[in-house]
């Protein structure tokens, strides 16, 4: 499984109200992706609730069965349209893609508590 994480930080805004408006606009643009593109296995869009100066403003957390599915999503006309529509919002974007083996388990999804020394 491939995890595709995208973070956006709004770089230009007049005040907090303007920043929140741009955050909501960005969320609205990308939230529609999950119902339009069949290659997506899971998809979440969220606005940051952390007030740290180094925090980003919007996150997209999505999963795909394979890199081919991720590439299909990236090239999909609806995704390209969303990118174009969001291009008027001044922002920084960072992306992380990583693979999780199907047999991978962590303490988060097994319910086991890790011993802390």
PDB file of N, CA and C in Angstrom:
ATOM      1  N   UNK A   1       0.848  -1.175   0.000  1.00  0.00           N
ATOM      2  CA  UNK A   1       0.000   0.000   0.000  1.00  0.00           C
ATOM      3  C   UNK A   1       0.895   1.240   0.000  1.00  0.00           C
ATOM      4  N   UNK A   2       0.473   2.244  -0.750  1.00  0.00           N
ATOM      5  CA  UNK A   2       1.209   3.506  -0.856  1.00  0.00           C
ATOM      6  C   UNK A   2       0.437   4.592  -0.103  1.00  0.00           C
ATOM      7  N   UNK A   3       1.133   5.272   0.785  1.00  0.00           N
ATOM      8  CA  UNK A   3       0.562   6.440   1.466  1.00  0.00           C
ATOM      9  C   UNK A   3       1.084   7.685   0.756  1.00  0.00           C
ATOM     10  N   UNK A   4       0.179   8.587   0.445  1.00  0.00           N
ATOM     11  CA  UNK A   4       0.503   9.836  -0.249  1.00  0.00           C
ATOM     12  C   UNK A   4       0.020  10.966   0.656  1.00  0.00           C
ATOM     13  N   UNK A   5       0.964  11.710   1.205  1.00  0.00           N
ATOM     14  CA  UNK A   5       0.639  12.796   2.131  1.00  0.00           C
ATOM     15  C   UNK A   5       1.088  14.120   1.523  1.00  0.00           C
ATOM     16  N   UNK A   6       0.171  15.065   1.479  1.00  0.00           N
ATOM     17  CA  UNK A   6       0.454  16.394   0.934  1.00  0.00           C
ATOM     18  C   UNK A   6       0.107  17.413   2.009  1.00  0.00           C
ATOM     19  N   UNK A   7       1.023  18.354   2.241  1.00  0.00           N
ATOM     20  CA  UNK A   7       0.794  19.430   3.207  1.00  0.00           C
ATOM     21  C   UNK A   7       0.889  20.771   2.489  1.00  0.00           C
ATOM     22  N   UNK A   8      -0.033  21.667   2.824  1.00  0.00           N
ATOM     23  CA  UNK A   8      -0.036  23.014   2.260  1.00  0.00           C
ATOM     24  C   UNK A   8       0.088  24.042   3.380  1.00  0.00           C
ATOM     25  N   UNK A   9       0.878  25.080   3.114  1.00  0.00           N
ATOM     26  CA  UNK A   9       0.985  26.216   4.041  1.00  0.00           C
ATOM     27  C   UNK A   9       0.651  27.475   3.251  1.00  0.00           C
ATOM     28  N   UNK A  10      -0.383  28.167   3.669  1.00  0.00           N
ATOM     29  CA  UNK A  10      -0.784  29.413   3.004  1.00  0.00           C
ATOM     30  C   UNK A  10       0.307  30.455   3.263  1.00  0.00           C
ATOM     31  N   UNK A  11       0.774  31.098   2.193  1.00  0.00           N
ATOM     32  CA  UNK A  11       1.913  32.022   2.339  1.00  0.00           C
ATOM     33  C   UNK A  11       1.526  33.497   2.273  1.00  0.00           C
ATOM     34  N   UNK A  12       0.382  33.803   1.683  1.00  0.00           N
ATOM     35  CA  UNK A  12      -0.040  35.204   1.578  1.00  0.00           C
ATOM     36  C   UNK A  12      -1.495  35.334   2.000  1.00  0.00           C
ATOM     37  N   UNK A  13      -1.727  36.210   2.992  1.00  0.00           N
ATOM     38  CA  UNK A  13      -3.085  36.472   3.458  1.00  0.00           C
ATOM     39  C   UNK A  13      -3.100  37.818   4.167  1.00  0.00           C
ATOM     40  N   UNK A  14      -4.246  38.483   4.120  1.00  0.00           N
ATOM     41  CA  UNK A  14      -4.372  39.816   4.710  1.00  0.00           C
ATOM     42  C   UNK A  14      -4.479  39.768   6.230  1.00  0.00           C
ATOM     43  N   UNK A  15      -5.238  38.787   6.734  1.00  0.00           N
ATOM     44  CA  UNK A  15      -5.446  38.637   8.172  1.00  0.00           C
ATOM     45  C   UNK A  15      -5.879  37.199   8.424  1.00  0.00           C
ATOM     46  N   UNK A  16      -6.172  36.852   9.663  1.00  0.00           N
ATOM     47  CA  UNK A  16      -6.550  35.473   9.994  1.00  0.00           C
ATOM     48  C   UNK A  16      -7.835  35.039   9.290  1.00  0.00           C
ATOM     49  N   UNK A  17      -8.758  35.964   9.135  1.00  0.00           N
ATOM     50  CA  UNK A  17     -10.007  35.640   8.447  1.00  0.00           C
ATOM     51  C   UNK A  17      -9.743  35.281   6.980  1.00  0.00           C
ATOM     52  N   UNK A  18      -8.879  36.046   6.335  1.00  0.00           N
ATOM     53  CA  UNK A  18      -8.505  35.769   4.944  1.00  0.00           C
ATOM     54  C   UNK A  18      -7.779  34.422   4.843  1.00  0.00           C
ATOM     55  N   UNK A  19      -6.904  34.148   5.803  1.00  0.00           N
ATOM     56  CA  UNK A  19      -6.190  32.867   5.820  1.00  0.00           C
ATOM     57  C   UNK A  19      -7.170  31.710   5.963  1.00  0.00           C
ATOM     58  N   UNK A  20      -8.131  31.829   6.876  1.00  0.00           N
ATOM     59  CA  UNK A  20      -9.128  30.773   7.073  1.00  0.00           C
ATOM     60  C   UNK A  20      -9.977  30.564   5.822  1.00  0.00           C
ATOM     61  N   UNK A  21     -10.291  31.645   5.134  1.00  0.00           N
ATOM     62  CA  UNK A  21     -11.054  31.551   3.888  1.00  0.00           C
ATOM     63  C   UNK A  21     -10.271  30.751   2.849  1.00  0.00           C
ATOM     64  N   UNK A  22      -8.983  31.010   2.743  1.00  0.00           N
ATOM     65  CA  UNK A  22      -8.140  30.298   1.775  1.00  0.00           C
ATOM     66  C   UNK A  22      -7.969  28.830   2.161  1.00  0.00           C
ATOM     67  N   UNK A  23      -7.874  28.566   3.457  1.00  0.00           N
ATOM     68  CA  UNK A  23      -7.783  27.182   3.938  1.00  0.00           C
ATOM     69  C   UNK A  23      -9.058  26.425   3.559  1.00  0.00           C
ATOM     70  N   UNK A  24     -10.209  27.021   3.811  1.00  0.00           N
ATOM     71  CA  UNK A  24     -11.484  26.380   3.488  1.00  0.00           C
ATOM     72  C   UNK A  24     -11.643  26.176   1.984  1.00  0.00           C
ATOM     73  N   UNK A  25     -11.180  27.137   1.206  1.00  0.00           N
ATOM     74  CA  UNK A  25     -11.246  27.006  -0.261  1.00  0.00           C
ATOM     75  C   UNK A  25     -10.373  25.840  -0.736  1.00  0.00           C
ATOM     76  N   UNK A  26      -9.170  25.744  -0.197  1.00  0.00           N
ATOM     77  CA  UNK A  26      -8.256  24.651  -0.555  1.00  0.00           C
ATOM     78  C   UNK A  26      -8.857  23.301  -0.174  1.00  0.00           C
ATOM     79  N   UNK A  27      -9.399  23.218   1.039  1.00  0.00           N
ATOM     80  CA  UNK A  27     -10.061  21.985   1.470  1.00  0.00           C
ATOM     81  C   UNK A  27     -11.202  21.622   0.526  1.00  0.00           C
ATOM     82  N   UNK A  28     -12.030  22.575   0.210  1.00  0.00           N
ATOM     83  CA  UNK A  28     -13.186  22.341  -0.643  1.00  0.00           C
ATOM     84  C   UNK A  28     -12.777  21.828  -2.027  1.00  0.00           C
ATOM     85  N   UNK A  29     -11.712  22.377  -2.568  1.00  0.00           N
ATOM     86  CA  UNK A  29     -11.225  21.958  -3.892  1.00  0.00           C
ATOM     87  C   UNK A  29     -10.819  20.489  -3.876  1.00  0.00           C
ATOM     88  N   UNK A  30     -10.070  20.080  -2.845  1.00  0.00           N
ATOM     89  CA  UNK A  30      -9.506  18.727  -2.842  1.00  0.00           C
ATOM     90  C   UNK A  30     -10.409  17.676  -2.196  1.00  0.00           C
ATOM     91  N   UNK A  31     -11.376  18.074  -1.392  1.00  0.00           N
ATOM     92  CA  UNK A  31     -12.259  17.088  -0.747  1.00  0.00           C
ATOM     93  C   UNK A  31     -13.058  16.269  -1.755  1.00  0.00           C
ATOM     94  N   UNK A  32     -13.320  16.820  -2.900  1.00  0.00           N
ATOM     95  CA  UNK A  32     -14.138  16.143  -3.913  1.00  0.00           C
ATOM     96  C   UNK A  32     -13.398  15.017  -4.633  1.00  0.00           C
ATOM     97  N   UNK A  33     -12.094  14.927  -4.460  1.00  0.00           N
ATOM     98  CA  UNK A  33     -11.299  13.942  -5.193  1.00  0.00           C
ATOM     99  C   UNK A  33     -11.716  12.502  -4.911  1.00  0.00           C
ATOM    100  N   UNK A  34     -12.034  12.206  -3.657  1.00  0.00           N
ATOM    101  CA  UNK A  34     -12.288  10.813  -3.273  1.00  0.00           C
ATOM    102  C   UNK A  34     -13.511  10.217  -3.951  1.00  0.00           C
ATOM    103  N   UNK A  35     -14.476  11.035  -4.318  1.00  0.00           N
ATOM    104  CA  UNK A  35     -15.671  10.498  -4.972  1.00  0.00           C
ATOM    105  C   UNK A  35     -15.540  10.472  -6.493  1.00  0.00           C
ATOM    106  N   UNK A  36     -14.528  11.121  -7.028  1.00  0.00           N
ATOM    107  CA  UNK A  36     -14.378  11.228  -8.478  1.00  0.00           C
ATOM    108  C   UNK A  36     -13.334  10.270  -9.061  1.00  0.00           C
ATOM    109  N   UNK A  37     -12.380   9.830  -8.245  1.00  0.00           N
ATOM    110  CA  UNK A  37     -11.246   9.086  -8.781  1.00  0.00           C
ATOM    111  C   UNK A  37     -11.195   7.697  -8.151  1.00  0.00           C
ATOM    112  N   UNK A  38     -11.430   6.684  -8.950  1.00  0.00           N
ATOM    113  CA  UNK A  38     -11.559   5.317  -8.428  1.00  0.00           C
ATOM    114  C   UNK A  38     -10.241   4.709  -7.945  1.00  0.00           C
ATOM    115  N   UNK A  39      -9.099   5.238  -8.364  1.00  0.00           N
ATOM    116  CA  UNK A  39      -7.805   4.695  -7.941  1.00  0.00           C
ATOM    117  C   UNK A  39      -7.533   4.923  -6.452  1.00  0.00           C
ATOM    118  N   UNK A  40      -8.274   5.820  -5.828  1.00  0.00           N
ATOM    119  CA  UNK A  40      -8.069   6.159  -4.414  1.00  0.00           C
ATOM    120  C   UNK A  40      -8.663   5.053  -3.538  1.00  0.00           C
ATOM    121  N   UNK A  41      -7.836   4.560  -2.602  1.00  0.00           N
ATOM    122  CA  UNK A  41      -8.314   3.562  -1.640  1.00  0.00           C
ATOM    123  C   UNK A  41      -8.907   4.249  -0.405  1.00  0.00           C
ATOM    124  N   UNK A  42      -8.214   5.260   0.128  1.00  0.00           N
ATOM    125  CA  UNK A  42      -8.736   6.078   1.227  1.00  0.00           C
ATOM    126  C   UNK A  42      -8.252   7.508   1.027  1.00  0.00           C
ATOM    127  N   UNK A  43      -9.012   8.461   1.577  1.00  0.00           N
ATOM    128  CA  UNK A  43      -8.712   9.861   1.299  1.00  0.00           C
ATOM    129  C   UNK A  43      -9.290  10.741   2.403  1.00  0.00           C
ATOM    130  N   UNK A  44      -8.459  11.588   2.978  1.00  0.00           N
ATOM    131  CA  UNK A  44      -8.879  12.549   4.008  1.00  0.00           C
ATOM    132  C   UNK A  44      -8.257  13.899   3.709  1.00  0.00           C
ATOM    133  N   UNK A  45      -9.016  14.939   3.933  1.00  0.00           N
ATOM    134  CA  UNK A  45      -8.509  16.305   3.846  1.00  0.00           C
ATOM    135  C   UNK A  45      -8.859  16.978   5.164  1.00  0.00           C
ATOM    136  N   UNK A  46      -7.869  17.629   5.781  1.00  0.00           N
ATOM    137  CA  UNK A  46      -8.143  18.276   7.054  1.00  0.00           C
ATOM    138  C   UNK A  46      -7.405  19.585   7.209  1.00  0.00           C
ATOM    139  N   UNK A  47      -8.003  20.478   7.988  1.00  0.00           N
ATOM    140  CA  UNK A  47      -7.363  21.751   8.334  1.00  0.00           C
ATOM    141  C   UNK A  47      -6.636  21.572   9.653  1.00  0.00           C
ATOM    142  N   UNK A  48      -5.463  22.139   9.735  1.00  0.00           N
ATOM    143  CA  UNK A  48      -4.629  22.045  10.930  1.00  0.00           C
ATOM    144  C   UNK A  48      -5.297  22.696  12.138  1.00  0.00           C
ATOM    145  N   UNK A  49      -5.116  22.079  13.307  1.00  0.00           N
ATOM    146  CA  UNK A  49      -5.616  22.670  14.554  1.00  0.00           C
ATOM    147  C   UNK A  49      -4.476  23.081  15.484  1.00  0.00           C
ATOM    148  N   UNK A  50      -3.240  22.887  15.032  1.00  0.00           N
ATOM    149  CA  UNK A  50      -2.052  23.242  15.804  1.00  0.00           C
ATOM    150  C   UNK A  50      -1.690  24.693  15.511  1.00  0.00           C
ATOM    151  N   UNK A  51      -1.386  25.468  16.540  1.00  0.00           N
ATOM    152  CA  UNK A  51      -1.092  26.891  16.354  1.00  0.00           C
ATOM    153  C   UNK A  51       0.400  27.204  16.220  1.00  0.00           C
ATOM    154  N   UNK A  52       1.236  26.207  16.153  1.00  0.00           N
ATOM    155  CA  UNK A  52       2.677  26.411  16.023  1.00  0.00           C
ATOM    156  C   UNK A  52       3.005  27.141  14.720  1.00  0.00           C
ATOM    157  N   UNK A  53       4.010  28.003  14.762  1.00  0.00           N
ATOM    158  CA  UNK A  53       4.441  28.731  13.564  1.00  0.00           C
ATOM    159  C   UNK A  53       4.964  27.802  12.469  1.00  0.00           C
ATOM    160  N   UNK A  54       5.475  26.645  12.863  1.00  0.00           N
ATOM    161  CA  UNK A  54       6.038  25.724  11.865  1.00  0.00           C
ATOM    162  C   UNK A  54       4.999  24.745  11.317  1.00  0.00           C
ATOM    163  N   UNK A  55       3.764  24.818  11.803  1.00  0.00           N
ATOM    164  CA  UNK A  55       2.707  23.916  11.344  1.00  0.00           C
ATOM    165  C   UNK A  55       2.209  24.326   9.957  1.00  0.00           C
ATOM    166  N   UNK A  56       1.813  23.334   9.182  1.00  0.00           N
ATOM    167  CA  UNK A  56       1.186  23.596   7.892  1.00  0.00           C
ATOM    168  C   UNK A  56      -0.317  23.741   8.097  1.00  0.00           C
ATOM    169  N   UNK A  57      -1.028  24.227   7.081  1.00  0.00           N
ATOM    170  CA  UNK A  57      -2.431  24.594   7.239  1.00  0.00           C
ATOM    171  C   UNK A  57      -3.433  23.529   6.798  1.00  0.00           C
ATOM    172  N   UNK A  58      -3.114  22.783   5.760  1.00  0.00           N
ATOM    173  CA  UNK A  58      -4.029  21.783   5.220  1.00  0.00           C
ATOM    174  C   UNK A  58      -3.250  20.511   4.933  1.00  0.00           C
ATOM    175  N   UNK A  59      -3.854  19.373   5.237  1.00  0.00           N
ATOM    176  CA  UNK A  59      -3.227  18.081   4.957  1.00  0.00           C
ATOM    177  C   UNK A  59      -4.162  17.221   4.122  1.00  0.00           C
ATOM    178  N   UNK A  60      -3.571  16.507   3.178  1.00  0.00           N
ATOM    179  CA  UNK A  60      -4.280  15.464   2.430  1.00  0.00           C
ATOM    180  C   UNK A  60      -3.559  14.170   2.753  1.00  0.00           C
ATOM    181  N   UNK A  61      -4.303  13.198   3.235  1.00  0.00           N
ATOM    182  CA  UNK A  61      -3.739  11.894   3.590  1.00  0.00           C
ATOM    183  C   UNK A  61      -4.508  10.857   2.777  1.00  0.00           C
ATOM    184  N   UNK A  62      -3.831  10.226   1.824  1.00  0.00           N
ATOM    185  CA  UNK A  62      -4.519   9.282   0.957  1.00  0.00           C
ATOM    186  C   UNK A  62      -3.704   8.008   0.801  1.00  0.00           C
ATOM    187  N   UNK A  63      -4.397   6.936   0.440  1.00  0.00           N
ATOM    188  CA  UNK A  63      -3.709   5.663   0.210  1.00  0.00           C
ATOM    189  C   UNK A  63      -4.138   5.088  -1.134  1.00  0.00           C
ATOM    190  N   UNK A  64      -3.214   4.313  -1.691  1.00  0.00           N
ATOM    191  CA  UNK A  64      -3.405   3.685  -2.991  1.00  0.00           C
ATOM    192  C   UNK A  64      -2.856   2.274  -2.929  1.00  0.00           C
ATOM    193  N   UNK A  65      -3.415   1.367  -3.712  1.00  0.00           N
ATOM    194  CA  UNK A  65      -2.944  -0.018  -3.706  1.00  0.00           C
ATOM    195  C   UNK A  65      -1.536  -0.147  -4.269  1.00  0.00           C
ATOM    196  N   UNK A  66      -1.171   0.737  -5.196  1.00  0.00           N
ATOM    197  CA  UNK A  66       0.133   0.617  -5.865  1.00  0.00           C
ATOM    198  C   UNK A  66       0.608   1.982  -6.352  1.00  0.00           C
ATOM    199  N   UNK A  67       1.863   2.035  -6.762  1.00  0.00           N
ATOM    200  CA  UNK A  67       2.398   3.268  -7.358  1.00  0.00           C
ATOM    201  C   UNK A  67       1.675   3.570  -8.666  1.00  0.00           C
ATOM    202  N   UNK A  68       1.276   2.533  -9.391  1.00  0.00           N
ATOM    203  CA  UNK A  68       0.523   2.755 -10.631  1.00  0.00           C
ATOM    204  C   UNK A  68      -0.801   3.461 -10.341  1.00  0.00           C
ATOM    205  N   UNK A  69      -1.473   3.069  -9.255  1.00  0.00           N
ATOM    206  CA  UNK A  69      -2.717   3.748  -8.876  1.00  0.00           C
ATOM    207  C   UNK A  69      -2.458   5.191  -8.467  1.00  0.00           C
ATOM    208  N   UNK A  70      -1.370   5.435  -7.748  1.00  0.00           N
ATOM    209  CA  UNK A  70      -1.016   6.808  -7.371  1.00  0.00           C
ATOM    210  C   UNK A  70      -0.744   7.641  -8.625  1.00  0.00           C
ATOM    211  N   UNK A  71      -0.002   7.071  -9.563  1.00  0.00           N
ATOM    212  CA  UNK A  71       0.278   7.795 -10.818  1.00  0.00           C
ATOM    213  C   UNK A  71      -1.011   8.077 -11.582  1.00  0.00           C
ATOM    214  N   UNK A  72      -1.930   7.108 -11.592  1.00  0.00           N
ATOM    215  CA  UNK A  72      -3.218   7.314 -12.269  1.00  0.00           C
ATOM    216  C   UNK A  72      -3.985   8.461 -11.622  1.00  0.00           C
ATOM    217  N   UNK A  73      -3.937   8.535 -10.294  1.00  0.00           N
ATOM    218  CA  UNK A  73      -4.587   9.628  -9.561  1.00  0.00           C
ATOM    219  C   UNK A  73      -3.961  10.974  -9.933  1.00  0.00           C
ATOM    220  N   UNK A  74      -2.641  11.019  -9.923  1.00  0.00           N
ATOM    221  CA  UNK A  74      -1.940  12.271 -10.208  1.00  0.00           C
ATOM    222  C   UNK A  74      -2.263  12.782 -11.616  1.00  0.00           C
ATOM    223  N   UNK A  75      -2.374  11.868 -12.562  1.00  0.00           N
ATOM    224  CA  UNK A  75      -2.635  12.252 -13.954  1.00  0.00           C
ATOM    225  C   UNK A  75      -4.125  12.386 -14.282  1.00  0.00           C
ATOM    226  N   UNK A  76      -4.983  11.974 -13.381  1.00  0.00           N
ATOM    227  CA  UNK A  76      -6.424  12.005 -13.631  1.00  0.00           C
ATOM    228  C   UNK A  76      -6.890  13.436 -13.932  1.00  0.00           C
ATOM    229  N   UNK A  77      -7.727  13.623 -14.940  1.00  0.00           N
ATOM    230  CA  UNK A  77      -8.186  14.979 -15.295  1.00  0.00           C
ATOM    231  C   UNK A  77      -8.847  15.735 -14.135  1.00  0.00           C
ATOM    232  N   UNK A  78      -9.591  15.042 -13.270  1.00  0.00           N
ATOM    233  CA  UNK A  78     -10.219  15.727 -12.136  1.00  0.00           C
ATOM    234  C   UNK A  78      -9.183  16.225 -11.138  1.00  0.00           C
ATOM    235  N   UNK A  79      -8.105  15.455 -10.950  1.00  0.00           N
ATOM    236  CA  UNK A  79      -7.037  15.904 -10.053  1.00  0.00           C
ATOM    237  C   UNK A  79      -6.289  17.080 -10.680  1.00  0.00           C
ATOM    238  N   UNK A  80      -6.018  16.998 -11.963  1.00  0.00           N
ATOM    239  CA  UNK A  80      -5.337  18.102 -12.655  1.00  0.00           C
ATOM    240  C   UNK A  80      -6.190  19.375 -12.606  1.00  0.00           C
ATOM    241  N   UNK A  81      -7.493  19.217 -12.710  1.00  0.00           N
ATOM    242  CA  UNK A  81      -8.403  20.359 -12.599  1.00  0.00           C
ATOM    243  C   UNK A  81      -8.320  20.979 -11.196  1.00  0.00           C
ATOM    244  N   UNK A  82      -8.284  20.129 -10.167  1.00  0.00           N
ATOM    245  CA  UNK A  82      -8.182  20.631  -8.786  1.00  0.00           C
ATOM    246  C   UNK A  82      -6.874  21.395  -8.586  1.00  0.00           C
ATOM    247  N   UNK A  83      -5.789  20.869  -9.125  1.00  0.00           N
ATOM    248  CA  UNK A  83      -4.494  21.559  -9.017  1.00  0.00           C
ATOM    249  C   UNK A  83      -4.575  22.929  -9.677  1.00  0.00           C
ATOM    250  N   UNK A  84      -5.160  22.984 -10.856  1.00  0.00           N
ATOM    251  CA  UNK A  84      -5.303  24.254 -11.573  1.00  0.00           C
ATOM    252  C   UNK A  84      -6.173  25.231 -10.781  1.00  0.00           C
ATOM    253  N   UNK A  85      -7.274  24.727 -10.235  1.00  0.00           N
ATOM    254  CA  UNK A  85      -8.190  25.576  -9.464  1.00  0.00           C
ATOM    255  C   UNK A  85      -7.512  26.118  -8.207  1.00  0.00           C
ATOM    256  N   UNK A  86      -6.636  25.330  -7.587  1.00  0.00           N
ATOM    257  CA  UNK A  86      -5.939  25.744  -6.362  1.00  0.00           C
ATOM    258  C   UNK A  86      -4.718  26.614  -6.641  1.00  0.00           C
ATOM    259  N   UNK A  87      -4.344  26.744  -7.898  1.00  0.00           N
ATOM    260  CA  UNK A  87      -3.110  27.468  -8.234  1.00  0.00           C
ATOM    261  C   UNK A  87      -3.179  28.960  -7.897  1.00  0.00           C
ATOM    262  N   UNK A  88      -4.383  29.506  -7.725  1.00  0.00           N
ATOM    263  CA  UNK A  88      -4.502  30.927  -7.391  1.00  0.00           C
ATOM    264  C   UNK A  88      -4.290  31.210  -5.904  1.00  0.00           C
ATOM    265  N   UNK A  89      -4.161  30.169  -5.094  1.00  0.00           N
ATOM    266  CA  UNK A  89      -3.935  30.347  -3.652  1.00  0.00           C
ATOM    267  C   UNK A  89      -2.432  30.264  -3.391  1.00  0.00           C
ATOM    268  N   UNK A  90      -1.810  31.360  -2.933  1.00  0.00           N
ATOM    269  CA  UNK A  90      -0.365  31.326  -2.668  1.00  0.00           C
ATOM    270  C   UNK A  90      -0.057  30.365  -1.516  1.00  0.00           C
ATOM    271  N   UNK A  91       0.829  29.404  -1.790  1.00  0.00           N
ATOM    272  CA  UNK A  91       1.086  28.361  -0.799  1.00  0.00           C
ATOM    273  C   UNK A  91       2.410  27.673  -1.060  1.00  0.00           C
ATOM    274  N   UNK A  92       2.873  26.993  -0.018  1.00  0.00           N
ATOM    275  CA  UNK A  92       3.997  26.065  -0.118  1.00  0.00           C
ATOM    276  C   UNK A  92       3.392  24.680  -0.034  1.00  0.00           C
ATOM    277  N   UNK A  93       3.923  23.739  -0.819  1.00  0.00           N
ATOM    278  CA  UNK A  93       3.410  22.370  -0.810  1.00  0.00           C
ATOM    279  C   UNK A  93       4.574  21.412  -0.581  1.00  0.00           C
ATOM    280  N   UNK A  94       4.376  20.453   0.318  1.00  0.00           N
ATOM    281  CA  UNK A  94       5.350  19.375   0.499  1.00  0.00           C
ATOM    282  C   UNK A  94       4.609  18.049   0.368  1.00  0.00           C
ATOM    283  N   UNK A  95       5.314  17.058  -0.153  1.00  0.00           N
ATOM    284  CA  UNK A  95       4.712  15.752  -0.405  1.00  0.00           C
ATOM    285  C   UNK A  95       5.619  14.661   0.138  1.00  0.00           C
ATOM    286  N   UNK A  96       5.014  13.651   0.741  1.00  0.00           N
ATOM    287  CA  UNK A  96       5.723  12.437   1.152  1.00  0.00           C
ATOM    288  C   UNK A  96       4.916  11.257   0.643  1.00  0.00           C
ATOM    289  N   UNK A  97       5.579  10.369  -0.084  1.00  0.00           N
ATOM    290  CA  UNK A  97       4.983   9.114  -0.521  1.00  0.00           C
ATOM    291  C   UNK A  97       5.809   7.990   0.073  1.00  0.00           C
ATOM    292  N   UNK A  98       5.152   7.035   0.704  1.00  0.00           N
ATOM    293  CA  UNK A  98       5.894   5.900   1.247  1.00  0.00           C
ATOM    294  C   UNK A  98       5.062   4.636   1.155  1.00  0.00           C
ATOM    295  N   UNK A  99       5.777   3.513   1.134  1.00  0.00           N
ATOM    296  CA  UNK A  99       5.118   2.223   1.001  1.00  0.00           C
ATOM    297  C   UNK A  99       5.067   1.519   2.341  1.00  0.00           C
ATOM    298  N   UNK A 100       3.925   0.916   2.629  1.00  0.00           N
ATOM    299  CA  UNK A 100       3.757   0.118   3.832  1.00  0.00           C
ATOM    300  C   UNK A 100       3.500  -1.317   3.375  1.00  0.00           C
ATOM    301  N   UNK A 101       4.387  -2.233   3.737  1.00  0.00           N
ATOM    302  CA  UNK A 101       4.169  -3.629   3.336  1.00  0.00           C
ATOM    303  C   UNK A 101       2.861  -4.150   3.914  1.00  0.00           C
ATOM    304  N   UNK A 102       2.205  -5.021   3.198  1.00  0.00           N
ATOM    305  CA  UNK A 102       0.907  -5.563   3.631  1.00  0.00           C
ATOM    306  C   UNK A 102       0.999  -6.300   4.959  1.00  0.00           C
ATOM    307  N   UNK A 103       2.159  -6.822   5.304  1.00  0.00           N
ATOM    308  CA  UNK A 103       2.314  -7.560   6.557  1.00  0.00           C
ATOM    309  C   UNK A 103       2.733  -6.674   7.710  1.00  0.00           C
ATOM    310  N   UNK A 104       2.910  -5.378   7.443  1.00  0.00           N
ATOM    311  CA  UNK A 104       3.363  -4.449   8.473  1.00  0.00           C
ATOM    312  C   UNK A 104       2.295  -4.259   9.538  1.00  0.00           C
ATOM    313  N   UNK A 105       2.705  -4.335  10.791  1.00  0.00           N
ATOM    314  CA  UNK A 105       1.816  -4.058  11.918  1.00  0.00           C
ATOM    315  C   UNK A 105       2.531  -3.114  12.868  1.00  0.00           C
ATOM    316  N   UNK A 106       1.777  -2.262  13.491  1.00  0.00           N
ATOM    317  CA  UNK A 106       2.342  -1.365  14.497  1.00  0.00           C
ATOM    318  C   UNK A 106       1.500  -1.473  15.752  1.00  0.00           C
ATOM    319  N   UNK A 107       1.999  -0.900  16.827  1.00  0.00           N
ATOM    320  CA  UNK A 107       1.240  -0.938  18.074  1.00  0.00           C
ATOM    321  C   UNK A 107      -0.060  -0.154  17.951  1.00  0.00           C
ATOM    322  N   UNK A 108      -0.161   0.756  16.967  1.00  0.00           N
ATOM    323  CA  UNK A 108      -1.376   1.536  16.794  1.00  0.00           C
ATOM    324  C   UNK A 108      -2.534   0.687  16.287  1.00  0.00           C
ATOM    325  N   UNK A 109      -2.238  -0.294  15.431  1.00  0.00           N
ATOM    326  CA  UNK A 109      -3.349  -1.050  14.883  1.00  0.00           C
ATOM    327  C   UNK A 109      -3.457  -2.462  15.469  1.00  0.00           C
ATOM    328  N   UNK A 110      -2.584  -2.838  16.386  1.00  0.00           N
ATOM    329  CA  UNK A 110      -2.701  -4.151  17.008  1.00  0.00           C
ATOM    330  C   UNK A 110      -3.323  -4.059  18.391  1.00  0.00           C
ATOM    331  N   UNK A 111      -3.336  -2.867  18.965  1.00  0.00           N
ATOM    332  CA  UNK A 111      -3.877  -2.701  20.297  1.00  0.00           C
ATOM    333  C   UNK A 111      -2.886  -3.043  21.382  1.00  0.00           C
ATOM    334  N   UNK A 112      -1.684  -3.482  21.022  1.00  0.00           N
ATOM    335  CA  UNK A 112      -0.669  -3.840  22.022  1.00  0.00           C
ATOM    336  C   UNK A 112      -0.012  -2.580  22.548  1.00  0.00           C
ATOM    337  N   UNK A 113       0.317  -2.607  23.814  1.00  0.00           N
ATOM    338  CA  UNK A 113       1.027  -1.473  24.412  1.00  0.00           C
ATOM    339  C   UNK A 113       2.512  -1.760  24.342  1.00  0.00           C
ATOM    340  N   UNK A 114       3.272  -0.724  23.967  1.00  0.00           N
ATOM    341  CA  UNK A 114       4.714  -0.853  23.929  1.00  0.00           C
ATOM    342  C   UNK A 114       5.275  -0.532  25.298  1.00  0.00           C
ATOM    343  N   UNK A 115       6.277  -1.293  25.685  1.00  0.00           N
ATOM    344  CA  UNK A 115       6.933  -1.058  26.979  1.00  0.00           C
ATOM    345  C   UNK A 115       7.909   0.109  26.824  1.00  0.00           C
ATOM    346  N   UNK A 116       7.791   1.073  27.708  1.00  0.00           N
ATOM    347  CA  UNK A 116       8.662   2.241  27.687  1.00  0.00           C
ATOM    348  C   UNK A 116       9.604   2.149  28.869  1.00  0.00           C
ATOM    349  N   UNK A 117      10.891   2.270  28.585  1.00  0.00           N
ATOM    350  CA  UNK A 117      11.885   2.196  29.667  1.00  0.00           C
ATOM    351  C   UNK A 117      12.196   3.556  30.215  1.00  0.00           C
TER     352      UNK A 117
END
